[in-house]
Amino acid sequence: MRIAVGCDHAGFPLKAVVCETLTDLGHECLDLGTHSTAAVDYPDYAAAVGRAVQSGDARRGVLLCGSGVGACVAANKVRGVRACVCHDTYSARQGVEHDDMNVLCLGGRIIGPAVLGDLLRAFASAEFSGEERHRRRLEKILTLESEAWAEKGNQ
């Protein structure tokens, strides 16, 4: 699976570990930056990852910022992106299986390399269950998203 990876300066120290781990797990890492610890704005990288997922250039994405929260908020503004901050393996796996989460957001100042590997394995190995109750709930989320975009277009 091709997974887009992006980060700001606070997430940069873990980005190489993310790409190495994903590659070791048999996935292709699409590195969308940043490429140093120089201060940058996380919405730019969240948008790049979100757009890669939206367009199909990547099936999923991983974002790193200081807490994971800012990148998550920004990524969720891209239509079709379902981004979540997950700092435990249950949420990283269950978010995909039940909610069809397609972008994992992580706090570079929150987690370390050992936990990071476990989170990436849980996220990358999970698949949406497709169970009726989960499809029904996902349809409701997609309806909310469509309504929000329709309202935006009418402004």
Protein backbone atom coordinates (compact mmCIF):
# COMPACT_ATOMS: atom_id res chain seq x y z
CA MET A 1 0.00 0.00 0.00
CA ARG A 2 1.22 3.51 -0.75
CA ILE A 3 1.11 5.70 2.36
CA ALA A 4 1.70 9.47 2.21
CA VAL A 5 3.74 10.83 5.11
CA GLY A 6 4.00 14.45 6.14
CA CYS A 7 5.13 16.40 9.16
CA ASP A 8 5.99 19.78 10.49
CA HIS A 9 9.24 20.62 12.28
CA ALA A 10 8.04 19.04 15.56
CA GLY A 11 7.24 15.76 13.84
CA PHE A 12 10.35 15.72 11.67
CA PRO A 13 12.57 13.78 14.13
CA LEU A 14 10.22 10.76 13.83
CA LYS A 15 9.47 10.97 10.11
CA ALA A 16 12.44 8.84 9.05
CA VAL A 17 11.35 6.16 11.54
CA VAL A 18 7.83 6.27 10.06
CA CYS A 19 9.08 5.79 6.50
CA GLU A 20 11.56 3.08 7.52
CA THR A 21 8.90 1.19 9.49
CA LEU A 22 6.34 1.42 6.70
CA THR A 23 8.91 0.20 4.18
CA ASP A 24 9.90 -2.68 6.48
CA LEU A 25 6.19 -3.61 6.66
CA GLY A 26 6.09 -3.82 2.87
CA HIS A 27 4.48 -0.47 2.14
CA GLU A 28 5.61 2.39 -0.07
CA CYS A 29 6.27 5.66 1.74
CA LEU A 30 5.41 8.84 -0.19
CA ASP A 31 7.44 11.47 1.69
CA LEU A 32 5.71 14.86 1.39
CA GLY A 33 7.99 16.73 3.79
CA THR A 34 9.04 18.70 5.68
CA HIS A 35 12.71 17.87 5.29
CA SER A 36 14.28 19.63 8.29
CA THR A 37 13.59 20.99 11.75
CA ALA A 38 13.20 24.55 10.40
CA ALA A 39 9.86 25.98 11.56
CA VAL A 40 7.01 25.41 9.09
CA ASP A 41 3.21 25.53 9.21
CA TYR A 42 1.59 22.12 9.80
CA PRO A 43 -1.54 22.91 7.70
CA ASP A 44 0.61 22.89 4.56
CA TYR A 45 1.75 19.32 5.18
CA ALA A 46 -1.66 18.16 6.37
CA ALA A 47 -3.11 19.50 3.11
CA ALA A 48 -0.44 17.71 1.06
CA VAL A 49 -1.13 14.37 2.75
CA GLY A 50 -4.89 14.89 2.63
CA ARG A 51 -4.80 15.72 -1.06
CA ALA A 52 -2.64 12.68 -1.81
CA VAL A 53 -5.25 10.47 -0.12
CA GLN A 54 -8.12 12.36 -1.74
CA SER A 55 -6.65 11.99 -5.24
CA GLY A 56 -5.69 8.35 -4.82
CA ASP A 57 -1.96 9.02 -5.06
CA ALA A 58 -1.86 7.31 -1.66
CA ARG A 59 -4.34 4.94 -0.07
CA ARG A 60 -3.63 6.25 3.44
CA GLY A 61 -1.62 8.90 5.20
CA VAL A 62 0.40 9.51 8.33
CA LEU A 63 0.87 12.99 9.77
CA LEU A 64 3.17 14.11 12.56
CA CYS A 65 3.15 17.42 14.38
CA GLY A 66 3.90 18.30 18.01
CA SER A 67 0.70 16.86 19.48
CA GLY A 68 -0.96 15.41 16.38
CA VAL A 69 -3.99 17.62 17.01
CA GLY A 70 -3.29 20.53 14.68
CA ALA A 71 -2.41 18.26 11.78
CA CYS A 72 -5.58 16.26 12.45
CA VAL A 73 -7.81 19.32 12.44
CA ALA A 74 -6.25 20.57 9.21
CA ALA A 75 -6.34 17.20 7.42
CA ASN A 76 -10.03 16.76 8.21
CA LYS A 77 -10.77 19.89 6.16
CA VAL A 78 -9.83 17.96 3.00
CA ARG A 79 -12.91 16.30 1.59
CA GLY A 80 -12.74 12.53 1.91
CA VAL A 81 -10.16 12.53 4.66
CA ARG A 82 -10.98 10.86 7.95
CA ALA A 83 -8.02 11.71 10.16
CA CYS A 84 -7.67 10.80 13.83
CA VAL A 85 -5.07 11.29 16.53
CA CYS A 86 -4.22 7.85 17.91
CA HIS A 87 -1.58 7.23 20.52
CA ASP A 88 -2.69 3.66 21.32
CA THR A 89 -2.84 0.59 19.10
CA TYR A 90 -6.50 -0.16 19.77
CA SER A 91 -7.60 3.22 18.37
CA ALA A 92 -5.18 3.03 15.44
CA ARG A 93 -6.59 -0.35 14.40
CA GLN A 94 -10.23 0.18 15.35
CA GLY A 95 -10.33 3.60 13.67
CA VAL A 96 -9.71 1.87 10.35
CA GLU A 97 -11.88 -1.19 11.01
CA HIS A 98 -14.96 0.68 12.25
CA ASP A 99 -14.64 4.25 10.94
CA ASP A 100 -12.63 3.80 7.73
CA MET A 101 -9.99 6.21 9.06
CA ASN A 102 -7.51 6.92 6.30
CA VAL A 103 -5.03 9.30 7.96
CA LEU A 104 -3.25 8.55 11.22
CA CYS A 105 -2.12 11.65 13.13
CA LEU A 106 0.64 11.37 15.72
CA GLY A 107 2.27 13.67 18.20
CA GLY A 108 6.01 13.79 17.66
CA ARG A 109 6.40 15.27 21.14
CA ILE A 110 4.07 12.65 22.66
CA ILE A 111 5.27 9.26 21.44
CA GLY A 112 8.64 7.62 20.91
CA PRO A 113 9.98 5.22 18.29
CA ALA A 114 8.91 2.01 20.10
CA VAL A 115 5.26 3.04 20.39
CA LEU A 116 5.40 4.51 16.89
CA GLY A 117 6.20 1.13 15.36
CA ASP A 118 3.28 -0.53 17.13
CA LEU A 119 0.89 2.22 16.01
CA LEU A 120 2.00 2.01 12.39
CA ARG A 121 1.64 -1.78 12.35
CA ALA A 122 -1.87 -1.55 13.79
CA PHE A 123 -2.93 1.19 11.35
CA ALA A 124 -1.36 -0.25 8.20
CA SER A 125 -2.56 -3.82 8.77
CA ALA A 126 -6.17 -2.91 9.53
CA GLU A 127 -8.95 -2.94 6.95
CA PHE A 128 -12.43 -1.44 7.08
CA SER A 129 -14.76 -4.22 8.24
CA GLY A 130 -17.58 -3.34 5.88
CA GLU A 131 -20.09 -4.54 8.46
CA GLU A 132 -23.55 -3.10 7.92
CA ARG A 133 -23.49 -1.01 11.11
CA HIS A 134 -20.12 0.50 10.18
CA ARG A 135 -21.18 1.17 6.58
CA ARG A 136 -24.37 2.84 7.87
CA ARG A 137 -22.40 5.08 10.22
CA LEU A 138 -19.84 5.92 7.54
CA GLU A 139 -22.68 6.92 5.19
CA LYS A 140 -23.95 9.33 7.85
CA ILE A 141 -20.48 10.84 8.15
CA LEU A 142 -20.24 11.21 4.38
CA THR A 143 -23.67 12.88 4.35
CA LEU A 144 -22.48 15.38 6.97
CA GLU A 145 -19.40 16.06 4.88
CA SER A 146 -21.45 16.55 1.70
CA GLU A 147 -23.81 18.94 3.48
CA ALA A 148 -20.88 20.96 4.81
CA TRP A 149 -19.35 21.21 1.33
CA ALA A 150 -22.70 22.13 -0.19
CA GLU A 151 -23.10 24.94 2.37
CA LYS A 152 -19.59 26.15 1.59
CA GLY A 153 -20.45 26.29 -2.11
CA ASN A 154 -23.52 28.39 -1.41
CA GLN A 155 -21.61 31.12 0.43
